[in-house]
Amino acid sequence: MILEAVILHVKSGLESDFEVAFKKASKIISSMDGYLSHQLHKCIEVSGKYLLLVRWETLESHTVGFRSSAEYQEWKKLLHHFYEPFPTVEHFDEIEM
């Protein structure tokens, strides 16, 4: 399992619109091969800051499968115009304890 972690900075005043658009976009990402789950968290201390966590079966499920799909183009149309600056996406492997 791979965890994708992204800090999203949404342009001031667009938070409500972003959250509505994200609900629509959630249907897109959750339909993808290799998708396991996702969560969106809103920062308490910083207005307009969100944390997106997505669990994928493999790194390629996200970087190849999702990002090269027609569905990703729709995801981009729904969400990418909200971000300033554009987010950095990082992927993490779980450490077994």
PDB file of N, CA and C in Angstrom:
ATOM      1  N   MET A   1       0.841  -1.176   0.000  1.00  0.00           N
ATOM      2  CA  MET A   1       0.000   0.000   0.000  1.00  0.00           C
ATOM      3  C   MET A   1       0.885   1.238   0.000  1.00  0.00           C
ATOM      4  N   ILE A   2       0.506   2.212  -0.805  1.00  0.00           N
ATOM      5  CA  ILE A   2       1.207   3.493  -0.903  1.00  0.00           C
ATOM      6  C   ILE A   2       0.268   4.587  -0.417  1.00  0.00           C
ATOM      7  N   LEU A   3       0.807   5.491   0.373  1.00  0.00           N
ATOM      8  CA  LEU A   3       0.038   6.647   0.836  1.00  0.00           C
ATOM      9  C   LEU A   3       0.517   7.880   0.087  1.00  0.00           C
ATOM     10  N   GLU A   4      -0.395   8.504  -0.618  1.00  0.00           N
ATOM     11  CA  GLU A   4      -0.139   9.792  -1.277  1.00  0.00           C
ATOM     12  C   GLU A   4      -0.552  10.876  -0.292  1.00  0.00           C
ATOM     13  N   ALA A   5       0.332  11.844  -0.053  1.00  0.00           N
ATOM     14  CA  ALA A   5       0.036  12.939   0.874  1.00  0.00           C
ATOM     15  C   ALA A   5       0.272  14.272   0.167  1.00  0.00           C
ATOM     16  N   VAL A   6      -0.719  15.148   0.252  1.00  0.00           N
ATOM     17  CA  VAL A   6      -0.650  16.416  -0.456  1.00  0.00           C
ATOM     18  C   VAL A   6      -1.197  17.523   0.443  1.00  0.00           C
ATOM     19  N   ILE A   7      -0.413  18.583   0.615  1.00  0.00           N
ATOM     20  CA  ILE A   7      -0.904  19.791   1.270  1.00  0.00           C
ATOM     21  C   ILE A   7      -1.468  20.687   0.172  1.00  0.00           C
ATOM     22  N   LEU A   8      -2.736  21.062   0.320  1.00  0.00           N
ATOM     23  CA  LEU A   8      -3.413  21.900  -0.664  1.00  0.00           C
ATOM     24  C   LEU A   8      -3.655  23.277  -0.063  1.00  0.00           C
ATOM     25  N   HIS A   9      -3.234  24.307  -0.770  1.00  0.00           N
ATOM     26  CA  HIS A   9      -3.508  25.679  -0.367  1.00  0.00           C
ATOM     27  C   HIS A   9      -4.540  26.237  -1.346  1.00  0.00           C
ATOM     28  N   VAL A  10      -5.757  26.417  -0.854  1.00  0.00           N
ATOM     29  CA  VAL A  10      -6.864  26.888  -1.679  1.00  0.00           C
ATOM     30  C   VAL A  10      -6.914  28.410  -1.601  1.00  0.00           C
ATOM     31  N   LYS A  11      -7.122  29.028  -2.759  1.00  0.00           N
ATOM     32  CA  LYS A  11      -7.180  30.490  -2.834  1.00  0.00           C
ATOM     33  C   LYS A  11      -8.243  31.029  -1.883  1.00  0.00           C
ATOM     34  N   SER A  12      -7.905  32.126  -1.245  1.00  0.00           N
ATOM     35  CA  SER A  12      -8.775  32.743  -0.251  1.00  0.00           C
ATOM     36  C   SER A  12     -10.160  33.037  -0.826  1.00  0.00           C
ATOM     37  N   GLY A  13     -11.174  32.668  -0.055  1.00  0.00           N
ATOM     38  CA  GLY A  13     -12.550  32.910  -0.446  1.00  0.00           C
ATOM     39  C   GLY A  13     -13.165  31.812  -1.294  1.00  0.00           C
ATOM     40  N   LEU A  14     -12.351  30.841  -1.707  1.00  0.00           N
ATOM     41  CA  LEU A  14     -12.849  29.769  -2.576  1.00  0.00           C
ATOM     42  C   LEU A  14     -12.994  28.434  -1.849  1.00  0.00           C
ATOM     43  N   GLU A  15     -12.843  28.437  -0.556  1.00  0.00           N
ATOM     44  CA  GLU A  15     -12.865  27.193   0.211  1.00  0.00           C
ATOM     45  C   GLU A  15     -14.177  26.419   0.039  1.00  0.00           C
ATOM     46  N   SER A  16     -15.304  27.089   0.141  1.00  0.00           N
ATOM     47  CA  SER A  16     -16.598  26.397   0.006  1.00  0.00           C
ATOM     48  C   SER A  16     -16.766  25.817  -1.391  1.00  0.00           C
ATOM     49  N   ASP A  17     -16.404  26.584  -2.411  1.00  0.00           N
ATOM     50  CA  ASP A  17     -16.486  26.098  -3.785  1.00  0.00           C
ATOM     51  C   ASP A  17     -15.566  24.901  -3.991  1.00  0.00           C
ATOM     52  N   PHE A  18     -14.377  24.964  -3.401  1.00  0.00           N
ATOM     53  CA  PHE A  18     -13.441  23.847  -3.491  1.00  0.00           C
ATOM     54  C   PHE A  18     -14.035  22.588  -2.865  1.00  0.00           C
ATOM     55  N   GLU A  19     -14.622  22.714  -1.706  1.00  0.00           N
ATOM     56  CA  GLU A  19     -15.172  21.547  -1.017  1.00  0.00           C
ATOM     57  C   GLU A  19     -16.314  20.916  -1.817  1.00  0.00           C
ATOM     58  N   VAL A  20     -17.132  21.717  -2.462  1.00  0.00           N
ATOM     59  CA  VAL A  20     -18.195  21.191  -3.320  1.00  0.00           C
ATOM     60  C   VAL A  20     -17.587  20.463  -4.516  1.00  0.00           C
ATOM     61  N   ALA A  21     -16.597  21.082  -5.154  1.00  0.00           N
ATOM     62  CA  ALA A  21     -15.938  20.467  -6.308  1.00  0.00           C
ATOM     63  C   ALA A  21     -15.220  19.185  -5.903  1.00  0.00           C
ATOM     64  N   PHE A  22     -14.631  19.180  -4.710  1.00  0.00           N
ATOM     65  CA  PHE A  22     -13.920  17.986  -4.265  1.00  0.00           C
ATOM     66  C   PHE A  22     -14.872  16.810  -4.065  1.00  0.00           C
ATOM     67  N   LYS A  23     -16.079  17.084  -3.599  1.00  0.00           N
ATOM     68  CA  LYS A  23     -17.060  15.999  -3.457  1.00  0.00           C
ATOM     69  C   LYS A  23     -17.350  15.352  -4.806  1.00  0.00           C
ATOM     70  N   LYS A  24     -17.452  16.161  -5.852  1.00  0.00           N
ATOM     71  CA  LYS A  24     -17.648  15.626  -7.200  1.00  0.00           C
ATOM     72  C   LYS A  24     -16.416  14.839  -7.641  1.00  0.00           C
ATOM     73  N   ALA A  25     -15.242  15.407  -7.387  1.00  0.00           N
ATOM     74  CA  ALA A  25     -13.986  14.770  -7.800  1.00  0.00           C
ATOM     75  C   ALA A  25     -13.753  13.462  -7.050  1.00  0.00           C
ATOM     76  N   SER A  26     -14.285  13.349  -5.854  1.00  0.00           N
ATOM     77  CA  SER A  26     -14.118  12.120  -5.070  1.00  0.00           C
ATOM     78  C   SER A  26     -14.687  10.911  -5.797  1.00  0.00           C
ATOM     79  N   LYS A  27     -15.760  11.115  -6.538  1.00  0.00           N
ATOM     80  CA  LYS A  27     -16.353  10.020  -7.302  1.00  0.00           C
ATOM     81  C   LYS A  27     -15.410   9.556  -8.406  1.00  0.00           C
ATOM     82  N   ILE A  28     -14.653  10.487  -8.955  1.00  0.00           N
ATOM     83  CA  ILE A  28     -13.704  10.152 -10.024  1.00  0.00           C
ATOM     84  C   ILE A  28     -12.574   9.291  -9.476  1.00  0.00           C
ATOM     85  N   ILE A  29     -11.907   9.787  -8.448  1.00  0.00           N
ATOM     86  CA  ILE A  29     -10.726   9.080  -7.940  1.00  0.00           C
ATOM     87  C   ILE A  29     -11.104   7.722  -7.354  1.00  0.00           C
ATOM     88  N   SER A  30     -12.251   7.653  -6.712  1.00  0.00           N
ATOM     89  CA  SER A  30     -12.635   6.390  -6.069  1.00  0.00           C
ATOM     90  C   SER A  30     -13.015   5.306  -7.072  1.00  0.00           C
ATOM     91  N   SER A  31     -13.189   5.676  -8.331  1.00  0.00           N
ATOM     92  CA  SER A  31     -13.522   4.694  -9.368  1.00  0.00           C
ATOM     93  C   SER A  31     -12.286   4.105 -10.049  1.00  0.00           C
ATOM     94  N   MET A  32     -11.092   4.580  -9.697  1.00  0.00           N
ATOM     95  CA  MET A  32      -9.873   4.194 -10.409  1.00  0.00           C
ATOM     96  C   MET A  32      -9.321   2.848  -9.934  1.00  0.00           C
ATOM     97  N   ASP A  33      -8.735   2.099 -10.873  1.00  0.00           N
ATOM     98  CA  ASP A  33      -8.060   0.852 -10.525  1.00  0.00           C
ATOM     99  C   ASP A  33      -6.905   1.146  -9.569  1.00  0.00           C
ATOM    100  N   GLY A  34      -6.775   0.353  -8.541  1.00  0.00           N
ATOM    101  CA  GLY A  34      -5.696   0.519  -7.582  1.00  0.00           C
ATOM    102  C   GLY A  34      -5.999   1.482  -6.453  1.00  0.00           C
ATOM    103  N   TYR A  35      -7.123   2.185  -6.535  1.00  0.00           N
ATOM    104  CA  TYR A  35      -7.542   3.097  -5.468  1.00  0.00           C
ATOM    105  C   TYR A  35      -8.039   2.283  -4.280  1.00  0.00           C
ATOM    106  N   LEU A  36      -7.642   2.693  -3.074  1.00  0.00           N
ATOM    107  CA  LEU A  36      -8.111   2.040  -1.856  1.00  0.00           C
ATOM    108  C   LEU A  36      -9.014   2.940  -1.024  1.00  0.00           C
ATOM    109  N   SER A  37      -8.576   4.183  -0.769  1.00  0.00           N
ATOM    110  CA  SER A  37      -9.379   5.109   0.039  1.00  0.00           C
ATOM    111  C   SER A  37      -8.769   6.501  -0.040  1.00  0.00           C
ATOM    112  N   HIS A  38      -9.537   7.488   0.403  1.00  0.00           N
ATOM    113  CA  HIS A  38      -8.985   8.837   0.517  1.00  0.00           C
ATOM    114  C   HIS A  38      -9.701   9.597   1.629  1.00  0.00           C
ATOM    115  N   GLN A  39      -8.984  10.627   2.102  1.00  0.00           N
ATOM    116  CA  GLN A  39      -9.509  11.521   3.133  1.00  0.00           C
ATOM    117  C   GLN A  39      -9.060  12.935   2.802  1.00  0.00           C
ATOM    118  N   LEU A  40      -9.932  13.894   3.051  1.00  0.00           N
ATOM    119  CA  LEU A  40      -9.580  15.308   2.932  1.00  0.00           C
ATOM    120  C   LEU A  40      -9.794  15.939   4.296  1.00  0.00           C
ATOM    121  N   HIS A  41      -8.763  16.603   4.796  1.00  0.00           N
ATOM    122  CA  HIS A  41      -8.817  17.257   6.103  1.00  0.00           C
ATOM    123  C   HIS A  41      -8.608  18.756   5.926  1.00  0.00           C
ATOM    124  N   LYS A  42      -9.371  19.552   6.667  1.00  0.00           N
ATOM    125  CA  LYS A  42      -9.248  21.009   6.641  1.00  0.00           C
ATOM    126  C   LYS A  42      -8.454  21.453   7.864  1.00  0.00           C
ATOM    127  N   CYS A  43      -7.447  22.272   7.638  1.00  0.00           N
ATOM    128  CA  CYS A  43      -6.594  22.748   8.726  1.00  0.00           C
ATOM    129  C   CYS A  43      -7.385  23.663   9.664  1.00  0.00           C
ATOM    130  N   ILE A  44      -7.190  23.473  10.936  1.00  0.00           N
ATOM    131  CA  ILE A  44      -7.857  24.295  11.945  1.00  0.00           C
ATOM    132  C   ILE A  44      -7.160  25.648  12.090  1.00  0.00           C
ATOM    133  N   GLU A  45      -5.827  25.651  12.048  1.00  0.00           N
ATOM    134  CA  GLU A  45      -5.067  26.869  12.303  1.00  0.00           C
ATOM    135  C   GLU A  45      -4.901  27.786  11.097  1.00  0.00           C
ATOM    136  N   VAL A  46      -4.900  27.231   9.880  1.00  0.00           N
ATOM    137  CA  VAL A  46      -4.591  28.033   8.691  1.00  0.00           C
ATOM    138  C   VAL A  46      -5.759  27.963   7.713  1.00  0.00           C
ATOM    139  N   SER A  47      -6.383  29.096   7.475  1.00  0.00           N
ATOM    140  CA  SER A  47      -7.510  29.167   6.550  1.00  0.00           C
ATOM    141  C   SER A  47      -7.065  28.782   5.139  1.00  0.00           C
ATOM    142  N   GLY A  48      -7.865  27.955   4.488  1.00  0.00           N
ATOM    143  CA  GLY A  48      -7.577  27.578   3.111  1.00  0.00           C
ATOM    144  C   GLY A  48      -6.572  26.455   2.939  1.00  0.00           C
ATOM    145  N   LYS A  49      -6.101  25.876   4.040  1.00  0.00           N
ATOM    146  CA  LYS A  49      -5.114  24.797   3.966  1.00  0.00           C
ATOM    147  C   LYS A  49      -5.810  23.464   4.229  1.00  0.00           C
ATOM    148  N   TYR A  50      -5.517  22.492   3.345  1.00  0.00           N
ATOM    149  CA  TYR A  50      -6.113  21.160   3.433  1.00  0.00           C
ATOM    150  C   TYR A  50      -5.025  20.106   3.317  1.00  0.00           C
ATOM    151  N   LEU A  51      -5.320  18.940   3.853  1.00  0.00           N
ATOM    152  CA  LEU A  51      -4.447  17.772   3.714  1.00  0.00           C
ATOM    153  C   LEU A  51      -5.245  16.683   3.013  1.00  0.00           C
ATOM    154  N   LEU A  52      -4.723  16.225   1.873  1.00  0.00           N
ATOM    155  CA  LEU A  52      -5.338  15.125   1.135  1.00  0.00           C
ATOM    156  C   LEU A  52      -4.475  13.884   1.311  1.00  0.00           C
ATOM    157  N   LEU A  53      -5.093  12.807   1.746  1.00  0.00           N
ATOM    158  CA  LEU A  53      -4.426  11.514   1.896  1.00  0.00           C
ATOM    159  C   LEU A  53      -5.159  10.499   1.024  1.00  0.00           C
ATOM    160  N   VAL A  54      -4.411   9.853   0.131  1.00  0.00           N
ATOM    161  CA  VAL A  54      -4.997   8.847  -0.747  1.00  0.00           C
ATOM    162  C   VAL A  54      -4.182   7.568  -0.617  1.00  0.00           C
ATOM    163  N   ARG A  55      -4.873   6.467  -0.432  1.00  0.00           N
ATOM    164  CA  ARG A  55      -4.210   5.161  -0.359  1.00  0.00           C
ATOM    165  C   ARG A  55      -4.399   4.446  -1.691  1.00  0.00           C
ATOM    166  N   TRP A  56      -3.267   3.989  -2.244  1.00  0.00           N
ATOM    167  CA  TRP A  56      -3.233   3.279  -3.516  1.00  0.00           C
ATOM    168  C   TRP A  56      -2.611   1.908  -3.293  1.00  0.00           C
ATOM    169  N   GLU A  57      -2.992   0.942  -4.129  1.00  0.00           N
ATOM    170  CA  GLU A  57      -2.381  -0.377  -4.051  1.00  0.00           C
ATOM    171  C   GLU A  57      -0.892  -0.316  -4.385  1.00  0.00           C
ATOM    172  N   THR A  58      -0.541   0.456  -5.432  1.00  0.00           N
ATOM    173  CA  THR A  58       0.857   0.604  -5.854  1.00  0.00           C
ATOM    174  C   THR A  58       1.112   2.055  -6.236  1.00  0.00           C
ATOM    175  N   LEU A  59       2.360   2.437  -6.294  1.00  0.00           N
ATOM    176  CA  LEU A  59       2.727   3.777  -6.758  1.00  0.00           C
ATOM    177  C   LEU A  59       2.219   4.009  -8.177  1.00  0.00           C
ATOM    178  N   GLU A  60       2.358   2.992  -9.031  1.00  0.00           N
ATOM    179  CA  GLU A  60       1.953   3.111 -10.423  1.00  0.00           C
ATOM    180  C   GLU A  60       0.439   3.278 -10.581  1.00  0.00           C
ATOM    181  N   SER A  61      -0.328   2.779  -9.617  1.00  0.00           N
ATOM    182  CA  SER A  61      -1.780   2.991  -9.666  1.00  0.00           C
ATOM    183  C   SER A  61      -2.089   4.482  -9.719  1.00  0.00           C
ATOM    184  N   HIS A  62      -1.292   5.264  -9.013  1.00  0.00           N
ATOM    185  CA  HIS A  62      -1.481   6.711  -9.019  1.00  0.00           C
ATOM    186  C   HIS A  62      -0.738   7.383 -10.162  1.00  0.00           C
ATOM    187  N   THR A  63       0.569   7.145 -10.233  1.00  0.00           N
ATOM    188  CA  THR A  63       1.411   7.912 -11.157  1.00  0.00           C
ATOM    189  C   THR A  63       1.197   7.562 -12.623  1.00  0.00           C
ATOM    190  N   VAL A  64       0.804   6.329 -12.901  1.00  0.00           N
ATOM    191  CA  VAL A  64       0.577   5.906 -14.283  1.00  0.00           C
ATOM    192  C   VAL A  64      -0.921   5.749 -14.549  1.00  0.00           C
ATOM    193  N   GLY A  65      -1.563   4.875 -13.781  1.00  0.00           N
ATOM    194  CA  GLY A  65      -2.975   4.577 -14.013  1.00  0.00           C
ATOM    195  C   GLY A  65      -3.878   5.788 -13.927  1.00  0.00           C
ATOM    196  N   PHE A  66      -3.829   6.493 -12.813  1.00  0.00           N
ATOM    197  CA  PHE A  66      -4.707   7.646 -12.622  1.00  0.00           C
ATOM    198  C   PHE A  66      -4.249   8.841 -13.448  1.00  0.00           C
ATOM    199  N   ARG A  67      -3.003   9.209 -13.338  1.00  0.00           N
ATOM    200  CA  ARG A  67      -2.538  10.425 -13.998  1.00  0.00           C
ATOM    201  C   ARG A  67      -2.542  10.363 -15.526  1.00  0.00           C
ATOM    202  N   SER A  68      -2.540   9.184 -16.100  1.00  0.00           N
ATOM    203  CA  SER A  68      -2.578   9.088 -17.563  1.00  0.00           C
ATOM    204  C   SER A  68      -3.984   8.817 -18.090  1.00  0.00           C
ATOM    205  N   SER A  69      -4.967   8.870 -17.207  1.00  0.00           N
ATOM    206  CA  SER A  69      -6.347   8.531 -17.584  1.00  0.00           C
ATOM    207  C   SER A  69      -7.144   9.765 -18.017  1.00  0.00           C
ATOM    208  N   ALA A  70      -8.221   9.499 -18.747  1.00  0.00           N
ATOM    209  CA  ALA A  70      -9.175  10.552 -19.105  1.00  0.00           C
ATOM    210  C   ALA A  70      -9.837  11.113 -17.846  1.00  0.00           C
ATOM    211  N   GLU A  71     -10.026  10.257 -16.847  1.00  0.00           N
ATOM    212  CA  GLU A  71     -10.635  10.701 -15.585  1.00  0.00           C
ATOM    213  C   GLU A  71      -9.785  11.756 -14.891  1.00  0.00           C
ATOM    214  N   TYR A  72      -8.460  11.625 -15.017  1.00  0.00           N
ATOM    215  CA  TYR A  72      -7.580  12.622 -14.404  1.00  0.00           C
ATOM    216  C   TYR A  72      -7.777  13.992 -15.046  1.00  0.00           C
ATOM    217  N   GLN A  73      -8.049  14.024 -16.337  1.00  0.00           N
ATOM    218  CA  GLN A  73      -8.292  15.306 -17.009  1.00  0.00           C
ATOM    219  C   GLN A  73      -9.527  15.992 -16.417  1.00  0.00           C
ATOM    220  N   GLU A  74     -10.545  15.223 -16.095  1.00  0.00           N
ATOM    221  CA  GLU A  74     -11.741  15.769 -15.452  1.00  0.00           C
ATOM    222  C   GLU A  74     -11.422  16.231 -14.026  1.00  0.00           C
ATOM    223  N   TRP A  75     -10.621  15.450 -13.293  1.00  0.00           N
ATOM    224  CA  TRP A  75     -10.151  15.819 -11.941  1.00  0.00           C
ATOM    225  C   TRP A  75      -9.453  17.179 -11.994  1.00  0.00           C
ATOM    226  N   LYS A  76      -8.562  17.336 -12.947  1.00  0.00           N
ATOM    227  CA  LYS A  76      -7.827  18.602 -13.102  1.00  0.00           C
ATOM    228  C   LYS A  76      -8.777  19.769 -13.354  1.00  0.00           C
ATOM    229  N   LYS A  77      -9.744  19.580 -14.240  1.00  0.00           N
ATOM    230  CA  LYS A  77     -10.699  20.651 -14.551  1.00  0.00           C
ATOM    231  C   LYS A  77     -11.481  21.068 -13.311  1.00  0.00           C
ATOM    232  N   LEU A  78     -11.848  20.088 -12.498  1.00  0.00           N
ATOM    233  CA  LEU A  78     -12.632  20.377 -11.304  1.00  0.00           C
ATOM    234  C   LEU A  78     -11.831  21.078 -10.212  1.00  0.00           C
ATOM    235  N   LEU A  79     -10.533  20.731 -10.069  1.00  0.00           N
ATOM    236  CA  LEU A  79      -9.807  21.123  -8.860  1.00  0.00           C
ATOM    237  C   LEU A  79      -8.588  22.022  -9.039  1.00  0.00           C
ATOM    238  N   HIS A  80      -7.837  21.883 -10.094  1.00  0.00           N
ATOM    239  CA  HIS A  80      -6.521  22.516 -10.144  1.00  0.00           C
ATOM    240  C   HIS A  80      -6.547  24.045 -10.115  1.00  0.00           C
ATOM    241  N   HIS A  81      -7.624  24.654 -10.551  1.00  0.00           N
ATOM    242  CA  HIS A  81      -7.682  26.121 -10.541  1.00  0.00           C
ATOM    243  C   HIS A  81      -7.864  26.703  -9.134  1.00  0.00           C
ATOM    244  N   PHE A  82      -8.125  25.875  -8.144  1.00  0.00           N
ATOM    245  CA  PHE A  82      -8.292  26.355  -6.771  1.00  0.00           C
ATOM    246  C   PHE A  82      -6.962  26.578  -6.052  1.00  0.00           C
ATOM    247  N   TYR A  83      -5.868  25.996  -6.527  1.00  0.00           N
ATOM    248  CA  TYR A  83      -4.626  25.935  -5.753  1.00  0.00           C
ATOM    249  C   TYR A  83      -3.688  27.098  -6.033  1.00  0.00           C
ATOM    250  N   GLU A  84      -3.123  27.624  -4.944  1.00  0.00           N
ATOM    251  CA  GLU A  84      -2.085  28.660  -5.040  1.00  0.00           C
ATOM    252  C   GLU A  84      -1.223  28.587  -3.794  1.00  0.00           C
ATOM    253  N   PRO A  85       0.006  28.101  -3.892  1.00  0.00           N
ATOM    254  CA  PRO A  85       0.694  27.598  -5.085  1.00  0.00           C
ATOM    255  C   PRO A  85       0.218  26.186  -5.425  1.00  0.00           C
ATOM    256  N   PHE A  86       0.675  25.688  -6.573  1.00  0.00           N
ATOM    257  CA  PHE A  86       0.310  24.337  -6.968  1.00  0.00           C
ATOM    258  C   PHE A  86       0.985  23.360  -6.009  1.00  0.00           C
ATOM    259  N   PRO A  87       0.262  22.338  -5.555  1.00  0.00           N
ATOM    260  CA  PRO A  87       0.785  21.451  -4.514  1.00  0.00           C
ATOM    261  C   PRO A  87       1.869  20.484  -4.989  1.00  0.00           C
ATOM    262  N   THR A  88       2.688  20.082  -4.032  1.00  0.00           N
ATOM    263  CA  THR A  88       3.667  19.020  -4.226  1.00  0.00           C
ATOM    264  C   THR A  88       3.058  17.727  -3.713  1.00  0.00           C
ATOM    265  N   VAL A  89       3.130  16.699  -4.539  1.00  0.00           N
ATOM    266  CA  VAL A  89       2.583  15.391  -4.180  1.00  0.00           C
ATOM    267  C   VAL A  89       3.726  14.498  -3.733  1.00  0.00           C
ATOM    268  N   GLU A  90       3.565  13.840  -2.590  1.00  0.00           N
ATOM    269  CA  GLU A  90       4.572  12.912  -2.085  1.00  0.00           C
ATOM    270  C   GLU A  90       3.921  11.574  -1.807  1.00  0.00           C
ATOM    271  N   HIS A  91       4.720  10.523  -1.938  1.00  0.00           N
ATOM    272  CA  HIS A  91       4.240   9.159  -1.729  1.00  0.00           C
ATOM    273  C   HIS A  91       5.049   8.500  -0.605  1.00  0.00           C
ATOM    274  N   PHE A  92       4.366   7.693   0.210  1.00  0.00           N
ATOM    275  CA  PHE A  92       4.994   7.082   1.370  1.00  0.00           C
ATOM    276  C   PHE A  92       4.692   5.596   1.442  1.00  0.00           C
ATOM    277  N   ASP A  93       5.704   4.840   1.840  1.00  0.00           N
ATOM    278  CA  ASP A  93       5.573   3.425   2.155  1.00  0.00           C
ATOM    279  C   ASP A  93       5.359   3.289   3.652  1.00  0.00           C
ATOM    280  N   GLU A  94       4.499   2.385   4.052  1.00  0.00           N
ATOM    281  CA  GLU A  94       4.259   2.154   5.472  1.00  0.00           C
ATOM    282  C   GLU A  94       5.400   1.328   6.064  1.00  0.00           C
ATOM    283  N   ILE A  95       5.821   1.711   7.243  1.00  0.00           N
ATOM    284  CA  ILE A  95       6.842   0.964   7.998  1.00  0.00           C
ATOM    285  C   ILE A  95       6.105  -0.014   8.906  1.00  0.00           C
ATOM    286  N   GLU A  96       6.400  -1.267   8.777  1.00  0.00           N
ATOM    287  CA  GLU A  96       5.762  -2.275   9.616  1.00  0.00           C
ATOM    288  C   GLU A  96       6.324  -2.189  11.035  1.00  0.00           C
ATOM    289  N   MET A  97       5.456  -2.167  12.004  1.00  0.00           N
ATOM    290  CA  MET A  97       5.850  -2.084  13.411  1.00  0.00           C
ATOM    291  C   MET A  97       5.552  -3.388  14.104  1.00  0.00           C
TER     292      MET A  97
END
